N, C-alpha and C. Protein backbone atom coordinates (compact mmCIF):
# COMPACT_ATOMS: atom_id res chain seq x y z
N MET A 1 28.93 152.05 143.53
CA MET A 1 27.61 151.51 143.79
C MET A 1 27.72 149.99 143.93
N THR A 2 27.19 149.46 145.00
CA THR A 2 27.20 148.02 145.24
C THR A 2 25.84 147.45 144.90
N SER A 3 25.86 146.38 144.15
CA SER A 3 24.61 145.75 143.74
C SER A 3 24.27 144.58 144.65
N LEU A 4 23.01 144.49 145.06
CA LEU A 4 22.55 143.36 145.86
C LEU A 4 22.08 142.22 144.96
N TRP A 5 22.09 142.45 143.68
CA TRP A 5 21.64 141.47 142.70
C TRP A 5 22.76 140.46 142.48
N GLU A 6 22.46 139.19 142.67
CA GLU A 6 23.46 138.15 142.42
C GLU A 6 23.71 138.00 140.93
N LEU A 7 24.93 137.62 140.59
CA LEU A 7 25.26 137.38 139.20
C LEU A 7 24.42 136.21 138.68
N PHE A 8 24.11 136.25 137.39
CA PHE A 8 23.32 135.18 136.79
C PHE A 8 24.14 133.91 136.70
N SER A 9 23.46 132.78 136.71
CA SER A 9 24.13 131.49 136.61
C SER A 9 23.87 130.87 135.25
N LYS A 10 24.72 129.92 134.89
CA LYS A 10 24.53 129.18 133.64
C LYS A 10 23.22 128.41 133.69
N ASP A 11 22.90 127.87 134.85
CA ASP A 11 21.66 127.08 134.99
C ASP A 11 20.42 127.92 134.73
N GLU A 12 20.42 129.18 135.18
CA GLU A 12 19.27 130.06 134.93
C GLU A 12 19.05 130.24 133.43
N PHE A 13 20.12 130.44 132.71
CA PHE A 13 20.01 130.64 131.27
C PHE A 13 19.65 129.35 130.54
N ARG A 14 20.24 128.25 130.99
CA ARG A 14 19.91 126.96 130.35
C ARG A 14 18.45 126.60 130.55
N GLN A 15 17.95 126.82 131.76
CA GLN A 15 16.54 126.53 132.03
C GLN A 15 15.63 127.41 131.19
N ALA A 16 15.95 128.69 131.11
CA ALA A 16 15.11 129.63 130.35
C ALA A 16 15.12 129.28 128.86
N ILE A 17 16.26 128.96 128.31
CA ILE A 17 16.34 128.68 126.88
C ILE A 17 15.66 127.36 126.55
N ASN A 18 15.70 126.41 127.45
CA ASN A 18 15.06 125.11 127.21
C ASN A 18 13.54 125.23 127.15
N GLU A 19 12.99 126.24 127.81
CA GLU A 19 11.54 126.45 127.82
C GLU A 19 11.04 127.17 126.56
N CYS A 20 11.95 127.65 125.72
CA CYS A 20 11.56 128.41 124.54
C CYS A 20 11.21 127.47 123.38
N ASN A 21 10.19 127.84 122.64
CA ASN A 21 9.68 127.05 121.54
C ASN A 21 10.50 127.30 120.27
N ASN A 22 11.04 126.24 119.70
CA ASN A 22 11.85 126.38 118.48
C ASN A 22 11.04 126.87 117.29
N LEU A 23 9.73 126.76 117.35
CA LEU A 23 8.89 127.15 116.21
C LEU A 23 8.47 128.61 116.25
N SER A 24 8.85 129.34 117.30
CA SER A 24 8.49 130.75 117.40
C SER A 24 9.17 131.56 116.30
N THR A 25 8.49 132.60 115.87
CA THR A 25 9.04 133.47 114.84
C THR A 25 10.13 134.36 115.43
N SER A 26 11.18 134.57 114.67
CA SER A 26 12.28 135.39 115.15
C SER A 26 11.94 136.87 115.00
N GLY A 27 12.70 137.70 115.69
CA GLY A 27 12.51 139.15 115.63
C GLY A 27 13.38 139.78 114.57
N PRO A 28 13.66 141.08 114.72
CA PRO A 28 14.45 141.80 113.73
C PRO A 28 15.87 141.25 113.56
N ASP A 29 16.40 140.58 114.59
CA ASP A 29 17.75 140.03 114.50
C ASP A 29 17.81 138.73 113.70
N LYS A 30 16.64 138.17 113.36
CA LYS A 30 16.53 136.92 112.57
C LYS A 30 17.14 135.72 113.28
N LEU A 31 17.38 135.83 114.58
CA LEU A 31 17.95 134.74 115.37
C LEU A 31 16.81 133.91 115.96
N THR A 32 16.75 132.65 115.60
CA THR A 32 15.67 131.79 116.11
C THR A 32 16.11 131.15 117.43
N TRP A 33 15.14 130.68 118.19
CA TRP A 33 15.44 129.98 119.45
C TRP A 33 16.28 128.75 119.17
N GLN A 34 15.98 128.08 118.07
CA GLN A 34 16.70 126.85 117.72
C GLN A 34 18.20 127.14 117.58
N TYR A 35 18.55 128.21 116.88
CA TYR A 35 19.96 128.55 116.70
C TYR A 35 20.58 129.07 118.00
N LEU A 36 19.82 129.83 118.75
CA LEU A 36 20.35 130.34 120.02
C LEU A 36 20.64 129.19 120.98
N LYS A 37 19.81 128.16 120.96
CA LYS A 37 20.06 126.98 121.80
C LYS A 37 21.38 126.30 121.41
N ILE A 38 21.65 126.24 120.13
CA ILE A 38 22.91 125.64 119.66
C ILE A 38 24.09 126.51 120.09
N ILE A 39 23.95 127.82 119.95
CA ILE A 39 25.01 128.75 120.33
C ILE A 39 25.32 128.64 121.81
N LEU A 40 24.27 128.56 122.64
CA LEU A 40 24.47 128.54 124.09
C LEU A 40 24.99 127.21 124.62
N LYS A 41 25.04 126.19 123.78
CA LYS A 41 25.67 124.94 124.19
C LYS A 41 27.18 125.12 124.30
N GLN A 42 27.70 126.13 123.61
CA GLN A 42 29.11 126.46 123.72
C GLN A 42 29.30 127.29 124.99
N ASN A 43 30.06 126.76 125.93
CA ASN A 43 30.24 127.39 127.23
C ASN A 43 30.76 128.82 127.11
N VAL A 44 31.66 129.05 126.18
CA VAL A 44 32.24 130.39 126.00
C VAL A 44 31.16 131.40 125.59
N CYS A 45 30.26 130.98 124.72
CA CYS A 45 29.17 131.88 124.28
C CYS A 45 28.19 132.14 125.41
N LEU A 46 27.85 131.11 126.16
CA LEU A 46 26.94 131.26 127.30
C LEU A 46 27.50 132.24 128.31
N ILE A 47 28.77 132.12 128.61
CA ILE A 47 29.41 133.03 129.58
C ILE A 47 29.37 134.47 129.08
N LYS A 48 29.58 134.69 127.80
CA LYS A 48 29.55 136.06 127.24
C LYS A 48 28.14 136.66 127.34
N ILE A 49 27.13 135.85 127.08
CA ILE A 49 25.75 136.35 127.18
C ILE A 49 25.39 136.63 128.64
N ILE A 50 25.85 135.78 129.54
CA ILE A 50 25.63 136.04 130.97
C ILE A 50 26.32 137.34 131.38
N ASN A 51 27.52 137.58 130.86
CA ASN A 51 28.22 138.84 131.16
C ASN A 51 27.43 140.05 130.65
N ILE A 52 26.82 139.93 129.48
CA ILE A 52 25.99 141.02 128.96
C ILE A 52 24.82 141.28 129.91
N ALA A 53 24.16 140.21 130.34
CA ALA A 53 23.01 140.35 131.25
C ALA A 53 23.43 140.97 132.58
N ASP A 54 24.53 140.49 133.14
CA ASP A 54 25.02 141.04 134.41
C ASP A 54 25.38 142.51 134.27
N THR A 55 25.99 142.87 133.15
CA THR A 55 26.36 144.26 132.91
C THR A 55 25.12 145.15 132.78
N CYS A 56 24.09 144.66 132.09
CA CYS A 56 22.85 145.43 131.97
C CYS A 56 22.27 145.74 133.35
N ILE A 57 22.27 144.75 134.23
CA ILE A 57 21.74 144.94 135.59
C ILE A 57 22.63 145.92 136.36
N ASN A 58 23.93 145.70 136.35
CA ASN A 58 24.83 146.53 137.14
C ASN A 58 24.88 147.98 136.67
N LEU A 59 24.74 148.19 135.36
CA LEU A 59 24.74 149.56 134.82
C LEU A 59 23.34 150.18 134.82
N GLU A 60 22.34 149.35 135.12
CA GLU A 60 20.94 149.79 135.07
C GLU A 60 20.63 150.37 133.69
N TYR A 61 21.01 149.63 132.66
CA TYR A 61 20.88 150.09 131.29
C TYR A 61 20.41 148.95 130.40
N TRP A 62 19.41 149.22 129.57
CA TRP A 62 18.90 148.25 128.61
C TRP A 62 19.25 148.76 127.22
N PRO A 63 20.16 148.10 126.51
CA PRO A 63 20.63 148.60 125.20
C PRO A 63 19.51 148.76 124.18
N ASN A 64 19.67 149.74 123.33
CA ASN A 64 18.68 149.98 122.27
C ASN A 64 18.51 148.76 121.37
N TYR A 65 19.56 147.99 121.19
CA TYR A 65 19.49 146.80 120.35
C TYR A 65 18.39 145.86 120.84
N PHE A 66 18.23 145.74 122.15
CA PHE A 66 17.20 144.86 122.70
C PHE A 66 15.80 145.47 122.58
N LYS A 67 15.73 146.76 122.35
CA LYS A 67 14.45 147.44 122.23
C LYS A 67 13.92 147.44 120.80
N CYS A 68 14.78 147.12 119.84
CA CYS A 68 14.35 147.09 118.44
C CYS A 68 13.26 146.05 118.25
N SER A 69 12.27 146.43 117.47
CA SER A 69 11.16 145.50 117.27
C SER A 69 10.60 145.64 115.86
N THR A 70 9.88 144.61 115.49
CA THR A 70 9.12 144.62 114.24
C THR A 70 7.67 144.40 114.62
N ILE A 71 6.78 145.22 114.09
CA ILE A 71 5.36 145.08 114.40
C ILE A 71 4.64 144.61 113.14
N VAL A 72 3.87 143.56 113.31
CA VAL A 72 3.05 143.03 112.23
C VAL A 72 1.60 143.23 112.65
N VAL A 73 0.82 143.87 111.79
CA VAL A 73 -0.58 144.13 112.10
C VAL A 73 -1.46 143.14 111.33
N ILE A 74 -2.25 142.40 112.06
CA ILE A 74 -3.09 141.37 111.45
C ILE A 74 -4.56 141.77 111.62
N PRO A 75 -5.32 141.79 110.53
CA PRO A 75 -6.75 142.11 110.66
C PRO A 75 -7.50 140.98 111.37
N LYS A 76 -8.39 141.35 112.27
CA LYS A 76 -9.22 140.35 112.95
C LYS A 76 -10.25 139.81 111.96
N PRO A 77 -10.54 138.53 112.02
CA PRO A 77 -11.47 137.94 111.05
C PRO A 77 -12.92 138.38 111.27
N ASN A 78 -13.69 138.27 110.23
CA ASN A 78 -15.15 138.49 110.25
C ASN A 78 -15.56 139.91 110.61
N LYS A 79 -14.79 140.88 110.19
CA LYS A 79 -15.17 142.29 110.39
C LYS A 79 -15.66 142.84 109.05
N LEU A 80 -16.74 143.58 109.10
CA LEU A 80 -17.31 144.12 107.86
C LEU A 80 -16.44 145.23 107.27
N ALA A 81 -15.82 146.00 108.14
CA ALA A 81 -14.95 147.09 107.69
C ALA A 81 -13.72 147.11 108.60
N TYR A 82 -12.65 147.63 108.08
CA TYR A 82 -11.42 147.72 108.87
C TYR A 82 -11.00 149.17 109.00
N ASP A 83 -11.95 150.01 109.43
CA ASP A 83 -11.69 151.44 109.53
C ASP A 83 -11.39 151.90 110.96
N GLN A 84 -11.27 150.96 111.91
CA GLN A 84 -10.97 151.31 113.29
C GLN A 84 -9.82 150.44 113.80
N PRO A 85 -8.97 151.01 114.63
CA PRO A 85 -7.83 150.26 115.14
C PRO A 85 -8.21 148.98 115.91
N LYS A 86 -9.38 148.98 116.55
CA LYS A 86 -9.76 147.81 117.34
C LYS A 86 -10.03 146.58 116.47
N PHE A 87 -10.11 146.75 115.16
CA PHE A 87 -10.34 145.63 114.26
C PHE A 87 -9.03 144.97 113.82
N PHE A 88 -7.93 145.40 114.41
CA PHE A 88 -6.63 144.84 114.06
C PHE A 88 -5.94 144.32 115.32
N HIS A 89 -5.07 143.37 115.12
CA HIS A 89 -4.31 142.79 116.22
C HIS A 89 -2.81 142.94 115.93
N PRO A 90 -2.13 143.86 116.62
CA PRO A 90 -0.69 144.01 116.37
C PRO A 90 0.11 142.95 117.13
N ILE A 91 1.13 142.43 116.49
CA ILE A 91 2.05 141.48 117.11
C ILE A 91 3.43 142.12 117.05
N VAL A 92 4.12 142.13 118.19
CA VAL A 92 5.44 142.75 118.27
C VAL A 92 6.49 141.66 118.39
N PHE A 93 7.49 141.72 117.53
CA PHE A 93 8.61 140.79 117.57
C PHE A 93 9.84 141.54 118.04
N LEU A 94 10.43 141.06 119.13
CA LEU A 94 11.64 141.67 119.69
C LEU A 94 12.85 140.81 119.35
N ASN A 95 14.05 141.39 119.51
CA ASN A 95 15.27 140.62 119.29
C ASN A 95 15.33 139.46 120.27
N THR A 96 15.72 138.31 119.77
CA THR A 96 15.68 137.06 120.53
C THR A 96 16.61 137.10 121.75
N LEU A 97 17.80 137.61 121.60
CA LEU A 97 18.73 137.66 122.72
C LEU A 97 18.19 138.53 123.85
N GLY A 98 17.59 139.66 123.51
CA GLY A 98 16.97 140.52 124.52
C GLY A 98 15.81 139.82 125.21
N LYS A 99 15.04 139.05 124.44
CA LYS A 99 13.92 138.31 125.03
C LYS A 99 14.42 137.26 126.01
N LEU A 100 15.52 136.61 125.68
CA LEU A 100 16.09 135.61 126.58
C LEU A 100 16.54 136.24 127.89
N ILE A 101 17.26 137.35 127.79
CA ILE A 101 17.75 138.01 129.00
C ILE A 101 16.58 138.51 129.85
N LYS A 102 15.56 139.09 129.20
CA LYS A 102 14.37 139.54 129.94
C LYS A 102 13.68 138.35 130.63
N LYS A 103 13.64 137.22 129.95
CA LYS A 103 13.01 136.03 130.51
C LYS A 103 13.74 135.59 131.78
N VAL A 104 15.07 135.60 131.75
CA VAL A 104 15.86 135.20 132.92
C VAL A 104 15.66 136.21 134.06
N ILE A 105 15.64 137.49 133.73
CA ILE A 105 15.41 138.52 134.75
C ILE A 105 14.03 138.34 135.39
N MET A 106 13.01 138.09 134.57
CA MET A 106 11.66 137.93 135.10
C MET A 106 11.54 136.68 135.98
N GLU A 107 12.21 135.61 135.59
CA GLU A 107 12.21 134.40 136.42
C GLU A 107 12.81 134.71 137.79
N ARG A 108 13.92 135.44 137.78
CA ARG A 108 14.59 135.79 139.03
C ARG A 108 13.71 136.68 139.89
N LEU A 109 13.10 137.71 139.27
CA LEU A 109 12.22 138.61 140.02
C LEU A 109 11.03 137.86 140.61
N GLN A 110 10.45 136.98 139.82
CA GLN A 110 9.30 136.22 140.31
C GLN A 110 9.70 135.36 141.50
N PHE A 111 10.86 134.73 141.43
CA PHE A 111 11.35 133.93 142.55
C PHE A 111 11.52 134.79 143.80
N LEU A 112 12.13 135.97 143.63
CA LEU A 112 12.36 136.86 144.78
C LEU A 112 11.04 137.37 145.37
N ILE A 113 10.07 137.64 144.50
CA ILE A 113 8.77 138.12 144.96
C ILE A 113 8.08 137.07 145.81
N VAL A 114 8.09 135.83 145.35
CA VAL A 114 7.43 134.75 146.09
C VAL A 114 8.22 134.43 147.36
N LYS A 115 9.52 134.36 147.24
CA LYS A 115 10.37 134.02 148.39
C LYS A 115 10.22 135.00 149.54
N ASN A 116 10.10 136.28 149.20
CA ASN A 116 10.06 137.32 150.22
C ASN A 116 8.64 137.80 150.55
N ASP A 117 7.63 137.08 150.06
CA ASP A 117 6.23 137.42 150.35
C ASP A 117 5.91 138.88 150.02
N PHE A 118 6.33 139.33 148.84
CA PHE A 118 6.05 140.70 148.43
C PHE A 118 4.64 140.88 147.89
N ILE A 119 3.95 139.78 147.62
CA ILE A 119 2.60 139.86 147.06
C ILE A 119 1.62 139.25 148.05
N HIS A 120 0.52 139.94 148.25
CA HIS A 120 -0.53 139.44 149.13
C HIS A 120 -1.07 138.14 148.55
N PRO A 121 -1.42 137.17 149.40
CA PRO A 121 -1.89 135.87 148.91
C PRO A 121 -3.07 135.94 147.94
N SER A 122 -3.89 136.98 148.02
CA SER A 122 -5.02 137.07 147.11
C SER A 122 -4.61 137.62 145.73
N GLN A 123 -3.39 138.08 145.60
CA GLN A 123 -2.89 138.63 144.33
C GLN A 123 -2.01 137.61 143.64
N LEU A 124 -2.59 136.50 143.24
CA LEU A 124 -1.81 135.41 142.69
C LEU A 124 -1.46 135.62 141.23
N GLY A 125 -2.28 136.35 140.52
CA GLY A 125 -1.99 136.70 139.13
C GLY A 125 -1.47 135.55 138.30
N SER A 126 -0.41 135.79 137.56
CA SER A 126 0.14 134.76 136.68
C SER A 126 1.48 134.25 137.19
N LEU A 127 1.67 134.28 138.50
CA LEU A 127 2.90 133.77 139.06
C LEU A 127 2.97 132.26 138.91
N LYS A 128 4.17 131.76 138.70
CA LYS A 128 4.35 130.32 138.63
C LYS A 128 4.04 129.70 139.98
N PHE A 129 3.60 128.49 139.94
CA PHE A 129 3.29 127.71 141.14
C PHE A 129 2.12 128.29 141.93
N LYS A 130 1.32 129.11 141.29
CA LYS A 130 0.12 129.67 141.93
C LYS A 130 -1.07 129.26 141.07
N PHE A 131 -1.73 128.20 141.45
CA PHE A 131 -2.80 127.62 140.66
C PHE A 131 -4.17 128.05 141.19
N THR A 132 -5.22 127.66 140.49
CA THR A 132 -6.56 128.02 140.92
C THR A 132 -6.89 127.42 142.28
N THR A 133 -6.28 126.29 142.62
CA THR A 133 -6.52 125.74 143.96
C THR A 133 -5.97 126.68 145.02
N ASP A 134 -4.88 127.38 144.71
CA ASP A 134 -4.33 128.35 145.64
C ASP A 134 -5.31 129.52 145.82
N VAL A 135 -5.97 129.91 144.74
CA VAL A 135 -6.97 130.98 144.81
C VAL A 135 -8.13 130.52 145.69
N ASP A 136 -8.56 129.27 145.51
CA ASP A 136 -9.64 128.72 146.34
C ASP A 136 -9.28 128.77 147.81
N VAL A 137 -8.06 128.39 148.14
CA VAL A 137 -7.61 128.40 149.53
C VAL A 137 -7.60 129.83 150.06
N ALA A 138 -7.10 130.77 149.25
CA ALA A 138 -7.05 132.18 149.68
C ALA A 138 -8.46 132.72 149.91
N LEU A 139 -9.39 132.43 149.00
CA LEU A 139 -10.77 132.89 149.16
C LEU A 139 -11.44 132.24 150.36
N THR A 140 -11.19 130.97 150.57
CA THR A 140 -11.78 130.27 151.73
C THR A 140 -11.26 130.91 153.02
N HIS A 141 -9.98 131.23 153.03
CA HIS A 141 -9.39 131.85 154.21
C HIS A 141 -10.03 133.21 154.49
N ILE A 142 -10.28 133.98 153.43
CA ILE A 142 -10.87 135.31 153.59
C ILE A 142 -12.30 135.20 154.11
N VAL A 143 -13.08 134.25 153.57
CA VAL A 143 -14.47 134.06 153.96
C VAL A 143 -14.52 133.50 155.35
């Protein structure tokens, strides 16, 4: 099987990790963004993580380790009773390394979607570089 997916670059991972907030809570792996940033400064470690990401794409497989999560359920404030699920807000914490790889994959997919015009101009959603002024232009064009 030949893959049309290009191998990941060091720059893609460096850019993605730099955008991560050091104050975010870690997942079940207890690895914080702050520590992962230090680890990825070592070229040898960065290359190994890139190899893991490339292998996941080429094998079309997402390891169970990346799927492990911790769920914290927080009650919403000012509710008289907490007898219904809608009165709670669950927060899911995933393993940090899996989140990083997913982030890089999503950045790549978003770039390919925009580059190849896979989305109609009126479907701007939450794509990067698509601001409300772009929506105004699209609506003006339609009208």
